Amino acid sequence: MASISPLRAFAEDAPGIDATAEEALDWFRKMSLIRRFEERAEEAYGKGKIGGFLHLYIGEEAIAVGAMAALQPEDDVITHYRDHGHVLARGTDPKRVMAELYGKATGLSKGKGGSMHLADVKRHLWGGYAIVGGHIPVAAGLALANQYRNLPHVVACFFGEGATNAGSFYSGLNLAAVWKLPLISVVENNHYGMGTAVERASAVCDVYRKASAFDIPAVRVDGNDVLAVRNAVRRMADRSRTGGGPQLIEATTYRFRGHSIGDPQRYRAKEEVEEAKTRDPIARWRRAVLENELATEDELRKIVDEVDAEVEEAVRFAENSPAPEPGELYNDVLVAE
C-alpha cells in the first residue's frame, strides 16, 4: 500500500508549534466562530426559525479550519451536507450563511439552498451535497477540469467515513488514480454513519487503508488537532499540485451532537460523548496557544467576545432579512431542451 507516515502533532506530542501567532489566533477565531454559529443555529432551529434538516459540525471544527489554512484561494472545495464549518472556515460572511439557513433572500443561494447546500462561487466552494458520497465523482470532474486546463489547483473533497462504503467512492477515486487527478480526499471519521458505528458497517475500520485499492497515498491524522490537519493537507496538496495524483487523509474526530437535530442518539452512551469532549479541538488549541505564549488569556477572551458579537449580528441580519419573492421559484432553474 502506498502510505505516508502519520504527521506529528502539537502540544503534548511535539515541542513548539509550527505556526505564527497570527495563524494560531486566526485558527482559534475561526473554530470559535463555527462553534458559536452552530450553537445559535441550533437554538433558532428549536424555535422553528430554521426549517428542514440541520447537521451540526460541533466537535469537528479543527478539520475544516486546518484544511482551509493549507489550501490556496483558487483551490476548489466541495463537501457533504454537514457543511457550515467548511463555508465559515473558507471565509464566507456569517450573515449570508445564517440568512441561508433561515431561508431568506439575502442568503448565499437566495434562501433556496438551505443548510445542506451551501455554496460560495467567489471562494471556489462548490456546495454541500445531500447524497452520501454523491459528490466524490463531481470532485473528480472538477480535478479533471483543472488538469485539462493546466491549472495548478487542487480539489479538496470532504466526506464522512460512511461514504467510503458507497460505490461512488470507489468509482470516483479509481478514475482519479487512473488519470492522476489533483484531488485531495479528506475523510472526516467521526465514528458514526448516522446511527451506525463504523465497525458495524465497514469490513475495514482503518479507513485510510481503503486508498490502497487505488494505490493512492494515504495518512491518518488526529482530526482534533488543527495543526496536524493543516500540515497533512498542505503536504498532500503540494504533492498533488505538482503531478503526484490523488491523495487521501483520514481525520479522526467525534461529533458532540447527534447526526441531525432530531437524532435521539440511542446508539451511543452519554459517557462516551462526555469522554470525547475531553478532546475538544478548541479547548486543546487554546491550551497550546497559551502554553507556547502565542497569546494571553485576555487576548483569547477578547476573540471569543468578538465572535459572540459577530454571530449575534448574523442572527439579527437573518431575522430582519426578507423572504424570497414568490417569483424566485422560477429563477436559477436549468431547463434542458
C-alpha atoms as a PDB file:
ATOM      1  CA  MET A   1       0.000   0.000   0.000  1.00  0.00           C
ATOM      2  CA  ALA A   2       1.221   3.470  -0.825  1.00  0.00           C
ATOM      3  CA  SER A   3       1.201   5.270   2.502  1.00  0.00           C
ATOM      4  CA  ILE A   4       2.691   8.184   4.364  1.00  0.00           C
ATOM      5  CA  SER A   5       3.797   8.098   7.958  1.00  0.00           C
ATOM      6  CA  PRO A   6       1.382   9.940  10.258  1.00  0.00           C
ATOM      7  CA  LEU A   7       2.421  13.522  10.819  1.00  0.00           C
ATOM      8  CA  ARG A   8       3.452  14.742  14.254  1.00  0.00           C
ATOM      9  CA  ALA A   9       1.015  16.801  16.246  1.00  0.00           C
ATOM     10  CA  PHE A  10       1.483  19.714  18.638  1.00  0.00           C
ATOM     11  CA  ALA A  11       1.498  20.380  22.373  1.00  0.00           C
ATOM     12  CA  GLU A  12       1.897  17.097  24.217  1.00  0.00           C
ATOM     13  CA  ASP A  13       3.152  15.284  21.102  1.00  0.00           C
ATOM     14  CA  ALA A  14       5.845  17.677  19.853  1.00  0.00           C
ATOM     15  CA  PRO A  15       7.689  20.686  21.240  1.00  0.00           C
ATOM     16  CA  GLY A  16       6.596  24.074  19.961  1.00  0.00           C
ATOM     17  CA  ILE A  17       4.088  24.999  17.278  1.00  0.00           C
ATOM     18  CA  ASP A  18       4.894  25.212  13.595  1.00  0.00           C
ATOM     19  CA  ALA A  19       2.691  28.285  13.138  1.00  0.00           C
ATOM     20  CA  THR A  20       2.933  32.023  13.607  1.00  0.00           C
ATOM     21  CA  ALA A  21       0.998  33.813  16.330  1.00  0.00           C
ATOM     22  CA  GLU A  22      -1.181  35.363  13.627  1.00  0.00           C
ATOM     23  CA  GLU A  23      -2.053  31.923  12.208  1.00  0.00           C
ATOM     24  CA  ALA A  24      -2.662  30.452  15.657  1.00  0.00           C
ATOM     25  CA  LEU A  25      -5.113  33.189  16.619  1.00  0.00           C
ATOM     26  CA  ASP A  26      -6.826  33.083  13.233  1.00  0.00           C
ATOM     27  CA  TRP A  27      -7.471  29.352  13.666  1.00  0.00           C
ATOM     28  CA  PHE A  28      -8.746  29.872  17.197  1.00  0.00           C
ATOM     29  CA  ARG A  29     -11.072  32.602  15.956  1.00  0.00           C
ATOM     30  CA  LYS A  30     -12.444  30.502  13.106  1.00  0.00           C
ATOM     31  CA  MET A  31     -13.019  27.415  15.229  1.00  0.00           C
ATOM     32  CA  SER A  32     -14.740  29.556  17.862  1.00  0.00           C
ATOM     33  CA  LEU A  33     -16.858  31.200  15.153  1.00  0.00           C
ATOM     34  CA  ILE A  34     -18.014  27.849  13.793  1.00  0.00           C
ATOM     35  CA  ARG A  35     -18.871  26.591  17.294  1.00  0.00           C
ATOM     36  CA  ARG A  36     -20.844  29.681  18.310  1.00  0.00           C
ATOM     37  CA  PHE A  37     -22.551  29.977  14.916  1.00  0.00           C
ATOM     38  CA  GLU A  38     -23.822  26.428  15.169  1.00  0.00           C
ATOM     39  CA  GLU A  39     -24.937  26.796  18.757  1.00  0.00           C
ATOM     40  CA  ARG A  40     -27.077  29.766  17.732  1.00  0.00           C
ATOM     41  CA  ALA A  41     -28.338  27.903  14.668  1.00  0.00           C
ATOM     42  CA  GLU A  42     -29.357  25.043  16.947  1.00  0.00           C
ATOM     43  CA  GLU A  43     -31.291  27.488  19.132  1.00  0.00           C
ATOM     44  CA  ALA A  44     -33.006  29.027  16.101  1.00  0.00           C
ATOM     45  CA  TYR A  45     -33.970  25.607  14.797  1.00  0.00           C
ATOM     46  CA  GLY A  46     -35.545  24.747  18.144  1.00  0.00           C
ATOM     47  CA  LYS A  47     -37.659  27.896  17.860  1.00  0.00           C
ATOM     48  CA  GLY A  48     -38.854  26.944  14.373  1.00  0.00           C
ATOM     49  CA  LYS A  49     -36.943  29.736  12.642  1.00  0.00           C
ATOM     50  CA  ILE A  50     -34.849  27.299  10.593  1.00  0.00           C
ATOM     51  CA  GLY A  51     -36.588  24.515   8.709  1.00  0.00           C
ATOM     52  CA  GLY A  52     -35.558  21.292   7.022  1.00  0.00           C
ATOM     53  CA  PHE A  53     -32.556  19.376   8.311  1.00  0.00           C
ATOM     54  CA  LEU A  54     -29.687  20.779  10.358  1.00  0.00           C
ATOM     55  CA  HIS A  55     -26.472  18.774  10.684  1.00  0.00           C
ATOM     56  CA  LEU A  56     -24.057  20.332  13.159  1.00  0.00           C
ATOM     57  CA  TYR A  57     -20.253  20.257  12.926  1.00  0.00           C
ATOM     58  CA  ILE A  58     -19.710  20.820  16.649  1.00  0.00           C
ATOM     59  CA  GLY A  59     -16.622  18.891  17.749  1.00  0.00           C
ATOM     60  CA  GLU A  60     -15.131  18.643  14.250  1.00  0.00           C
ATOM     61  CA  GLU A  61     -14.083  22.282  13.727  1.00  0.00           C
ATOM     62  CA  ALA A  62     -10.334  21.606  13.545  1.00  0.00           C
ATOM     63  CA  ILE A  63     -10.673  19.661  10.291  1.00  0.00           C
ATOM     64  CA  ALA A  64     -12.302  22.409   8.238  1.00  0.00           C
ATOM     65  CA  VAL A  65     -10.141  25.164   9.721  1.00  0.00           C
ATOM     66  CA  GLY A  66      -6.896  23.236   9.383  1.00  0.00           C
ATOM     67  CA  ALA A  67      -7.661  22.160   5.824  1.00  0.00           C
ATOM     68  CA  MET A  68      -8.644  25.627   4.622  1.00  0.00           C
ATOM     69  CA  ALA A  69      -5.465  27.031   6.142  1.00  0.00           C
ATOM     70  CA  ALA A  70      -3.476  24.708   3.878  1.00  0.00           C
ATOM     71  CA  LEU A  71      -5.359  25.417   0.653  1.00  0.00           C
ATOM     72  CA  GLN A  72      -4.890  28.303  -1.745  1.00  0.00           C
ATOM     73  CA  PRO A  73      -7.750  30.717  -2.597  1.00  0.00           C
ATOM     74  CA  GLU A  74      -8.030  29.301  -6.140  1.00  0.00           C
ATOM     75  CA  ASP A  75      -8.249  25.680  -4.997  1.00  0.00           C
ATOM     76  CA  ASP A  76     -11.685  24.094  -5.240  1.00  0.00           C
ATOM     77  CA  VAL A  77     -13.630  22.817  -2.233  1.00  0.00           C
ATOM     78  CA  ILE A  78     -16.622  20.502  -2.285  1.00  0.00           C
ATOM     79  CA  THR A  79     -18.254  18.882   0.714  1.00  0.00           C
ATOM     80  CA  HIS A  80     -21.098  16.874   2.185  1.00  0.00           C
ATOM     81  CA  TYR A  81     -24.234  18.170   3.866  1.00  0.00           C
ATOM     82  CA  ARG A  82     -22.557  18.833   7.249  1.00  0.00           C
ATOM     83  CA  ASP A  83     -21.112  21.914   5.593  1.00  0.00           C
ATOM     84  CA  HIS A  84     -21.446  25.005   7.829  1.00  0.00           C
ATOM     85  CA  GLY A  85     -17.904  24.649   9.164  1.00  0.00           C
ATOM     86  CA  HIS A  86     -16.277  24.442   5.748  1.00  0.00           C
ATOM     87  CA  VAL A  87     -18.066  27.525   4.463  1.00  0.00           C
ATOM     88  CA  LEU A  88     -17.206  29.628   7.509  1.00  0.00           C
ATOM     89  CA  ALA A  89     -13.604  28.387   7.566  1.00  0.00           C
ATOM     90  CA  ARG A  90     -13.294  29.396   3.918  1.00  0.00           C
ATOM     91  CA  GLY A  91     -14.093  32.978   4.915  1.00  0.00           C
ATOM     92  CA  THR A  92     -17.708  33.389   3.808  1.00  0.00           C
ATOM     93  CA  ASP A  93     -19.682  36.135   5.570  1.00  0.00           C
ATOM     94  CA  PRO A  94     -21.546  34.538   8.532  1.00  0.00           C
ATOM     95  CA  LYS A  95     -24.506  36.850   7.928  1.00  0.00           C
ATOM     96  CA  ARG A  96     -25.146  35.369   4.478  1.00  0.00           C
ATOM     97  CA  VAL A  97     -24.683  31.836   5.805  1.00  0.00           C
ATOM     98  CA  MET A  98     -27.167  32.360   8.644  1.00  0.00           C
ATOM     99  CA  ALA A  99     -29.617  34.026   6.259  1.00  0.00           C
ATOM    100  CA  GLU A 100     -29.435  30.968   4.016  1.00  0.00           C
ATOM    101  CA  LEU A 101     -30.245  28.718   6.963  1.00  0.00           C
ATOM    102  CA  TYR A 102     -33.228  30.961   7.678  1.00  0.00           C
ATOM    103  CA  GLY A 103     -34.328  30.654   4.042  1.00  0.00           C
ATOM    104  CA  LYS A 104     -34.031  34.396   3.435  1.00  0.00           C
ATOM    105  CA  ALA A 105     -33.424  36.249   0.169  1.00  0.00           C
ATOM    106  CA  THR A 106     -30.094  37.599   1.451  1.00  0.00           C
ATOM    107  CA  GLY A 107     -28.693  34.102   1.872  1.00  0.00           C
ATOM    108  CA  LEU A 108     -25.880  32.580  -0.158  1.00  0.00           C
ATOM    109  CA  SER A 109     -28.368  30.938  -2.530  1.00  0.00           C
ATOM    110  CA  LYS A 110     -31.195  33.438  -2.030  1.00  0.00           C
ATOM    111  CA  GLY A 111     -32.668  31.167   0.622  1.00  0.00           C
ATOM    112  CA  LYS A 112     -33.255  28.299  -1.805  1.00  0.00           C
ATOM    113  CA  GLY A 113     -30.390  26.005  -0.796  1.00  0.00           C
ATOM    114  CA  GLY A 114     -30.647  25.875   2.964  1.00  0.00           C
ATOM    115  CA  SER A 115     -28.332  24.202   5.433  1.00  0.00           C
ATOM    116  CA  MET A 116     -27.274  21.229   3.311  1.00  0.00           C
ATOM    117  CA  HIS A 117     -26.496  23.073   0.072  1.00  0.00           C
ATOM    118  CA  LEU A 118     -24.241  25.995   0.946  1.00  0.00           C
ATOM    119  CA  ALA A 119     -22.061  27.288  -1.887  1.00  0.00           C
ATOM    120  CA  ASP A 120     -19.842  30.313  -2.489  1.00  0.00           C
ATOM    121  CA  VAL A 121     -18.652  30.626  -6.076  1.00  0.00           C
ATOM    122  CA  LYS A 122     -16.281  33.530  -5.337  1.00  0.00           C
ATOM    123  CA  ARG A 123     -14.404  31.301  -2.899  1.00  0.00           C
ATOM    124  CA  HIS A 124     -14.378  28.233  -5.184  1.00  0.00           C
ATOM    125  CA  LEU A 125     -16.661  26.436  -2.745  1.00  0.00           C
ATOM    126  CA  TRP A 126     -18.993  24.305  -4.803  1.00  0.00           C
ATOM    127  CA  GLY A 127     -21.571  23.305  -2.284  1.00  0.00           C
ATOM    128  CA  GLY A 128     -22.726  20.786   0.226  1.00  0.00           C
ATOM    129  CA  TYR A 129     -24.296  17.636  -1.241  1.00  0.00           C
ATOM    130  CA  ALA A 130     -27.107  15.677   0.394  1.00  0.00           C
ATOM    131  CA  ILE A 131     -26.445  12.315  -1.281  1.00  0.00           C
ATOM    132  CA  VAL A 132     -23.832  10.414   0.715  1.00  0.00           C
ATOM    133  CA  GLY A 133     -20.722  10.093  -1.451  1.00  0.00           C
ATOM    134  CA  GLY A 134     -22.534  11.503  -4.471  1.00  0.00           C
ATOM    135  CA  HIS A 135     -20.202  14.464  -4.738  1.00  0.00           C
ATOM    136  CA  ILE A 136     -16.984  12.409  -4.937  1.00  0.00           C
ATOM    137  CA  PRO A 137     -17.273  11.849  -8.720  1.00  0.00           C
ATOM    138  CA  VAL A 138     -18.137  15.558  -9.035  1.00  0.00           C
ATOM    139  CA  ALA A 139     -14.903  16.356  -7.219  1.00  0.00           C
ATOM    140  CA  ALA A 140     -13.023  14.129  -9.664  1.00  0.00           C
ATOM    141  CA  GLY A 141     -14.645  16.066 -12.505  1.00  0.00           C
ATOM    142  CA  LEU A 142     -13.513  19.375 -11.022  1.00  0.00           C
ATOM    143  CA  ALA A 143      -9.991  17.989 -10.706  1.00  0.00           C
ATOM    144  CA  LEU A 144     -10.097  16.778 -14.316  1.00  0.00           C
ATOM    145  CA  ALA A 145     -11.116  20.275 -15.432  1.00  0.00           C
ATOM    146  CA  ASN A 146      -8.152  21.793 -13.586  1.00  0.00           C
ATOM    147  CA  GLN A 147      -5.800  19.221 -15.077  1.00  0.00           C
ATOM    148  CA  TYR A 148      -7.190  19.695 -18.592  1.00  0.00           C
ATOM    149  CA  ARG A 149      -6.666  23.454 -18.396  1.00  0.00           C
ATOM    150  CA  ASN A 150      -3.187  23.056 -16.875  1.00  0.00           C
ATOM    151  CA  LEU A 151      -4.220  24.973 -13.767  1.00  0.00           C
ATOM    152  CA  PRO A 152      -2.061  24.495 -10.641  1.00  0.00           C
ATOM    153  CA  HIS A 153      -5.114  23.950  -8.458  1.00  0.00           C
ATOM    154  CA  VAL A 154      -6.218  21.024  -6.330  1.00  0.00           C
ATOM    155  CA  VAL A 155      -9.718  19.957  -5.327  1.00  0.00           C
ATOM    156  CA  ALA A 156     -10.353  19.230  -1.657  1.00  0.00           C
ATOM    157  CA  CYS A 157     -13.300  16.866  -1.235  1.00  0.00           C
ATOM    158  CA  PHE A 158     -14.712  16.329   2.272  1.00  0.00           C
ATOM    159  CA  PHE A 159     -16.913  13.393   3.239  1.00  0.00           C
ATOM    160  CA  GLY A 160     -17.630  11.130   6.180  1.00  0.00           C
ATOM    161  CA  GLU A 161     -16.349   7.615   6.758  1.00  0.00           C
ATOM    162  CA  GLY A 162     -19.771   6.228   5.842  1.00  0.00           C
ATOM    163  CA  ALA A 163     -19.296   7.430   2.267  1.00  0.00           C
ATOM    164  CA  THR A 164     -16.294   5.123   1.885  1.00  0.00           C
ATOM    165  CA  ASN A 165     -18.730   2.201   1.721  1.00  0.00           C
ATOM    166  CA  ALA A 166     -20.565   3.686  -1.279  1.00  0.00           C
ATOM    167  CA  GLY A 167     -19.854   2.813  -4.884  1.00  0.00           C
ATOM    168  CA  SER A 168     -19.258   6.444  -5.804  1.00  0.00           C
ATOM    169  CA  PHE A 169     -16.217   6.458  -3.505  1.00  0.00           C
ATOM    170  CA  TYR A 170     -14.630   3.576  -5.409  1.00  0.00           C
ATOM    171  CA  SER A 171     -15.525   4.737  -8.903  1.00  0.00           C
ATOM    172  CA  GLY A 172     -14.508   8.341  -8.185  1.00  0.00           C
ATOM    173  CA  LEU A 173     -11.166   7.512  -6.605  1.00  0.00           C
ATOM    174  CA  ASN A 174     -10.404   4.847  -9.185  1.00  0.00           C
ATOM    175  CA  LEU A 175     -10.725   7.333 -12.041  1.00  0.00           C
ATOM    176  CA  ALA A 176      -8.783   9.930 -10.067  1.00  0.00           C
ATOM    177  CA  ALA A 177      -5.950   7.418  -9.685  1.00  0.00           C
ATOM    178  CA  VAL A 178      -6.031   6.285 -13.321  1.00  0.00           C
ATOM    179  CA  TRP A 179      -5.843   9.877 -14.560  1.00  0.00           C
ATOM    180  CA  LYS A 180      -3.601  11.100 -11.706  1.00  0.00           C
ATOM    181  CA  LEU A 181      -6.001  13.908 -10.890  1.00  0.00           C
ATOM    182  CA  PRO A 182      -5.150  16.683  -8.383  1.00  0.00           C
ATOM    183  CA  LEU A 183      -7.728  15.525  -5.824  1.00  0.00           C
ATOM    184  CA  ILE A 184      -7.382  15.572  -2.025  1.00  0.00           C
ATOM    185  CA  SER A 185      -9.966  13.385  -0.287  1.00  0.00           C
ATOM    186  CA  VAL A 186     -10.484  14.307   3.364  1.00  0.00           C
ATOM    187  CA  VAL A 187     -12.422  11.634   5.257  1.00  0.00           C
ATOM    188  CA  GLU A 188     -13.950  13.119   8.409  1.00  0.00           C
ATOM    189  CA  ASN A 189     -14.194   9.972  10.501  1.00  0.00           C
ATOM    190  CA  ASN A 190     -16.497  10.831  13.412  1.00  0.00           C
ATOM    191  CA  HIS A 191     -17.062   7.083  14.017  1.00  0.00           C
ATOM    192  CA  TYR A 192     -20.790   7.056  13.220  1.00  0.00           C
ATOM    193  CA  GLY A 193     -22.599   6.993   9.892  1.00  0.00           C
ATOM    194  CA  MET A 194     -25.952   8.349  11.084  1.00  0.00           C
ATOM    195  CA  GLY A 195     -26.530   5.911  13.979  1.00  0.00           C
ATOM    196  CA  THR A 196     -24.255   3.081  12.871  1.00  0.00           C
ATOM    197  CA  ALA A 197     -20.754   2.665  14.290  1.00  0.00           C
ATOM    198  CA  VAL A 198     -18.040   2.310  11.676  1.00  0.00           C
ATOM    199  CA  GLU A 199     -17.033  -1.166  12.892  1.00  0.00           C
ATOM    200  CA  ARG A 200     -20.577  -2.411  12.255  1.00  0.00           C
ATOM    201  CA  ALA A 201     -20.710  -1.151   8.684  1.00  0.00           C
ATOM    202  CA  SER A 202     -17.208  -1.418   7.265  1.00  0.00           C
ATOM    203  CA  ALA A 203     -15.035  -4.515   6.845  1.00  0.00           C
ATOM    204  CA  VAL A 204     -12.014  -2.196   7.054  1.00  0.00           C
ATOM    205  CA  CYS A 205     -12.186   0.149  10.048  1.00  0.00           C
ATOM    206  CA  ASP A 206      -8.849   1.831   9.322  1.00  0.00           C
ATOM    207  CA  VAL A 207     -10.442   3.956   6.640  1.00  0.00           C
ATOM    208  CA  TYR A 208      -7.211   5.333   5.192  1.00  0.00           C
ATOM    209  CA  ARG A 209      -6.252   1.765   4.191  1.00  0.00           C
ATOM    210  CA  LYS A 210      -9.060   1.745   1.626  1.00  0.00           C
ATOM    211  CA  ALA A 211      -6.937   4.044  -0.533  1.00  0.00           C
ATOM    212  CA  SER A 212      -4.602   1.080  -1.173  1.00  0.00           C
ATOM    213  CA  ALA A 213      -7.202  -0.299  -3.603  1.00  0.00           C
ATOM    214  CA  PHE A 214      -6.222   2.532  -5.953  1.00  0.00           C
ATOM    215  CA  ASP A 215      -2.543   2.836  -4.942  1.00  0.00           C
ATOM    216  CA  ILE A 216      -3.331   6.298  -3.571  1.00  0.00           C
ATOM    217  CA  PRO A 217      -1.033   7.709  -0.852  1.00  0.00           C
ATOM    218  CA  ALA A 218      -2.957   7.941   2.409  1.00  0.00           C
ATOM    219  CA  VAL A 219      -2.474   9.015   6.003  1.00  0.00           C
ATOM    220  CA  ARG A 220      -4.466   9.079   9.221  1.00  0.00           C
ATOM    221  CA  VAL A 221      -4.211  12.181  11.407  1.00  0.00           C
ATOM    222  CA  ASP A 222      -5.800  13.434  14.605  1.00  0.00           C
ATOM    223  CA  GLY A 223      -8.729  15.477  13.310  1.00  0.00           C
ATOM    224  CA  ASN A 224      -8.995  17.299  16.642  1.00  0.00           C
ATOM    225  CA  ASP A 225      -5.534  18.780  16.083  1.00  0.00           C
ATOM    226  CA  VAL A 226      -5.846  21.781  13.773  1.00  0.00           C
ATOM    227  CA  LEU A 227      -2.095  21.917  13.174  1.00  0.00           C
ATOM    228  CA  ALA A 228      -1.825  18.231  12.257  1.00  0.00           C
ATOM    229  CA  VAL A 229      -4.670  18.669   9.770  1.00  0.00           C
ATOM    230  CA  ARG A 230      -3.067  21.801   8.282  1.00  0.00           C
ATOM    231  CA  ASN A 231       0.262  20.034   7.867  1.00  0.00           C
ATOM    232  CA  ALA A 232      -1.259  16.906   6.326  1.00  0.00           C
ATOM    233  CA  VAL A 233      -3.407  18.790   3.824  1.00  0.00           C
ATOM    234  CA  ARG A 234      -0.553  21.122   2.904  1.00  0.00           C
ATOM    235  CA  ARG A 235       1.842  18.248   2.221  1.00  0.00           C
ATOM    236  CA  MET A 236      -0.760  16.295   0.287  1.00  0.00           C
ATOM    237  CA  ALA A 237      -1.812  19.359  -1.709  1.00  0.00           C
ATOM    238  CA  ASP A 238       1.783  20.230  -2.591  1.00  0.00           C
ATOM    239  CA  ARG A 239       2.347  16.689  -3.844  1.00  0.00           C
ATOM    240  CA  SER A 240      -0.919  16.552  -5.796  1.00  0.00           C
ATOM    241  CA  ARG A 241      -0.451  20.044  -7.226  1.00  0.00           C
ATOM    242  CA  THR A 242       2.860  19.036  -8.790  1.00  0.00           C
ATOM    243  CA  GLY A 243       1.696  15.881 -10.573  1.00  0.00           C
ATOM    244  CA  GLY A 244       1.552  13.459  -7.655  1.00  0.00           C
ATOM    245  CA  GLY A 245      -2.036  12.476  -8.338  1.00  0.00           C
ATOM    246  CA  PRO A 246      -4.815  11.971  -5.787  1.00  0.00           C
ATOM    247  CA  GLN A 247      -4.168  11.760  -2.044  1.00  0.00           C
ATOM    248  CA  LEU A 248      -6.345  10.710   0.905  1.00  0.00           C
ATOM    249  CA  ILE A 249      -6.431  11.861   4.519  1.00  0.00           C
ATOM    250  CA  GLU A 250      -8.435  10.183   7.262  1.00  0.00           C
ATOM    251  CA  ALA A 251      -9.012  12.744  10.010  1.00  0.00           C
ATOM    252  CA  THR A 252     -10.359  11.068  13.146  1.00  0.00           C
ATOM    253  CA  THR A 253     -12.763  13.162  15.199  1.00  0.00           C
ATOM    254  CA  TYR A 254     -16.100  12.991  17.027  1.00  0.00           C
ATOM    255  CA  ARG A 255     -19.340  14.900  16.674  1.00  0.00           C
ATOM    256  CA  PHE A 256     -20.669  16.150  20.000  1.00  0.00           C
ATOM    257  CA  ARG A 257     -24.239  16.427  18.718  1.00  0.00           C
ATOM    258  CA  GLY A 258     -26.420  13.853  17.003  1.00  0.00           C
ATOM    259  CA  HIS A 259     -26.429  13.086  13.304  1.00  0.00           C
ATOM    260  CA  SER A 260     -29.012  15.821  12.888  1.00  0.00           C
ATOM    261  CA  ILE A 261     -31.167  17.867  15.244  1.00  0.00           C
ATOM    262  CA  GLY A 262     -33.840  15.180  15.512  1.00  0.00           C
ATOM    263  CA  ASP A 263     -31.396  12.404  16.425  1.00  0.00           C
ATOM    264  CA  PRO A 264     -32.251  10.840  19.849  1.00  0.00           C
ATOM    265  CA  GLN A 265     -28.719   9.328  19.981  1.00  0.00           C
ATOM    266  CA  ARG A 266     -29.795   5.990  21.437  1.00  0.00           C
ATOM    267  CA  TYR A 267     -26.901   4.264  19.672  1.00  0.00           C
ATOM    268  CA  ARG A 268     -24.181   5.708  21.929  1.00  0.00           C
ATOM    269  CA  ALA A 269     -23.785   6.204  25.659  1.00  0.00           C
ATOM    270  CA  LYS A 270     -23.715   9.655  27.226  1.00  0.00           C
ATOM    271  CA  GLU A 271     -20.467   8.677  28.946  1.00  0.00           C
ATOM    272  CA  GLU A 272     -18.873   8.116  25.539  1.00  0.00           C
ATOM    273  CA  VAL A 273     -19.862  11.587  24.380  1.00  0.00           C
ATOM    274  CA  GLU A 274     -18.597  13.208  27.568  1.00  0.00           C
ATOM    275  CA  GLU A 275     -15.281  11.383  27.275  1.00  0.00           C
ATOM    276  CA  ALA A 276     -14.926  12.601  23.691  1.00  0.00           C
ATOM    277  CA  LYS A 277     -15.474  16.173  24.848  1.00  0.00           C
ATOM    278  CA  THR A 278     -12.254  15.959  26.857  1.00  0.00           C
ATOM    279  CA  ARG A 279     -10.525  16.111  23.452  1.00  0.00           C
ATOM    280  CA  ASP A 280     -12.431  19.213  22.339  1.00  0.00           C
ATOM    281  CA  PRO A 281     -10.374  20.695  19.455  1.00  0.00           C
ATOM    282  CA  ILE A 282     -10.976  24.303  20.510  1.00  0.00           C
ATOM    283  CA  ALA A 283     -10.004  23.771  24.149  1.00  0.00           C
ATOM    284  CA  ARG A 284      -6.975  21.812  23.034  1.00  0.00           C
ATOM    285  CA  TRP A 285      -5.789  24.540  20.681  1.00  0.00           C
ATOM    286  CA  ARG A 286      -6.425  27.178  23.320  1.00  0.00           C
ATOM    287  CA  ARG A 287      -4.111  25.324  25.711  1.00  0.00           C
ATOM    288  CA  ALA A 288      -1.436  25.007  23.048  1.00  0.00           C
ATOM    289  CA  VAL A 289      -1.598  28.725  22.240  1.00  0.00           C
ATOM    290  CA  LEU A 290      -1.260  29.662  25.899  1.00  0.00           C
ATOM    291  CA  GLU A 291       1.474  27.138  26.666  1.00  0.00           C
ATOM    292  CA  ASN A 292       3.532  28.390  23.721  1.00  0.00           C
ATOM    293  CA  GLU A 293       2.914  32.024  24.730  1.00  0.00           C
ATOM    294  CA  LEU A 294       1.366  32.988  21.404  1.00  0.00           C
ATOM    295  CA  ALA A 295      -1.400  34.902  23.186  1.00  0.00           C
ATOM    296  CA  THR A 296      -2.662  35.777  26.639  1.00  0.00           C
ATOM    297  CA  GLU A 297      -5.912  34.775  28.331  1.00  0.00           C
ATOM    298  CA  ASP A 298      -7.202  38.306  27.824  1.00  0.00           C
ATOM    299  CA  GLU A 299      -6.456  38.206  24.100  1.00  0.00           C
ATOM    300  CA  LEU A 300      -8.257  34.899  23.664  1.00  0.00           C
ATOM    301  CA  ARG A 301     -11.197  36.113  25.737  1.00  0.00           C
ATOM    302  CA  LYS A 302     -11.413  39.207  23.519  1.00  0.00           C
ATOM    303  CA  ILE A 303     -11.557  36.994  20.427  1.00  0.00           C
ATOM    304  CA  VAL A 304     -14.411  34.971  21.921  1.00  0.00           C
ATOM    305  CA  ASP A 305     -16.309  38.166  22.754  1.00  0.00           C
ATOM    306  CA  GLU A 306     -15.808  39.436  19.200  1.00  0.00           C
ATOM    307  CA  VAL A 307     -17.041  36.128  17.799  1.00  0.00           C
ATOM    308  CA  ASP A 308     -20.146  36.248  20.009  1.00  0.00           C
ATOM    309  CA  ALA A 309     -20.924  39.745  18.722  1.00  0.00           C
ATOM    310  CA  GLU A 310     -20.349  38.687  15.108  1.00  0.00           C
ATOM    311  CA  VAL A 311     -22.712  35.745  15.417  1.00  0.00           C
ATOM    312  CA  GLU A 312     -25.385  37.834  17.121  1.00  0.00           C
ATOM    313  CA  GLU A 313     -25.117  40.287  14.231  1.00  0.00           C
ATOM    314  CA  ALA A 314     -25.552  37.389  11.801  1.00  0.00           C
ATOM    315  CA  VAL A 315     -28.697  36.253  13.629  1.00  0.00           C
ATOM    316  CA  ARG A 316     -30.155  39.774  13.556  1.00  0.00           C
ATOM    317  CA  PHE A 317     -29.339  40.074   9.870  1.00  0.00           C
ATOM    318  CA  ALA A 318     -31.093  36.776   9.107  1.00  0.00           C
ATOM    319  CA  GLU A 319     -34.165  37.574  11.167  1.00  0.00           C
ATOM    320  CA  ASN A 320     -34.529  41.047   9.663  1.00  0.00           C
ATOM    321  CA  SER A 321     -33.967  39.940   6.062  1.00  0.00           C
ATOM    322  CA  PRO A 322     -36.905  39.481   3.695  1.00  0.00           C
ATOM    323  CA  ALA A 323     -38.170  36.142   2.489  1.00  0.00           C
ATOM    324  CA  PRO A 324     -37.656  35.382  -1.226  1.00  0.00           C
ATOM    325  CA  GLU A 325     -40.289  36.730  -3.585  1.00  0.00           C
ATOM    326  CA  PRO A 326     -42.610  34.026  -4.952  1.00  0.00           C
ATOM    327  CA  GLY A 327     -41.231  34.649  -8.441  1.00  0.00           C
ATOM    328  CA  GLU A 328     -37.803  33.471  -7.294  1.00  0.00           C
ATOM    329  CA  LEU A 329     -39.185  29.952  -7.508  1.00  0.00           C
ATOM    330  CA  TYR A 330     -38.722  30.146 -11.288  1.00  0.00           C
ATOM    331  CA  ASN A 331     -35.256  31.702 -11.309  1.00  0.00           C
ATOM    332  CA  ASP A 332     -31.918  29.857 -11.331  1.00  0.00           C
ATOM    333  CA  VAL A 333     -33.550  26.742 -12.776  1.00  0.00           C
ATOM    334  CA  LEU A 334     -31.771  24.820 -15.516  1.00  0.00           C
ATOM    335  CA  VAL A 335     -34.055  23.650 -18.303  1.00  0.00           C
ATOM    336  CA  ALA A 336     -32.810  21.078 -20.832  1.00  0.00           C
ATOM    337  CA  GLU A 337     -34.473  21.119 -24.228  1.00  0.00           C
END
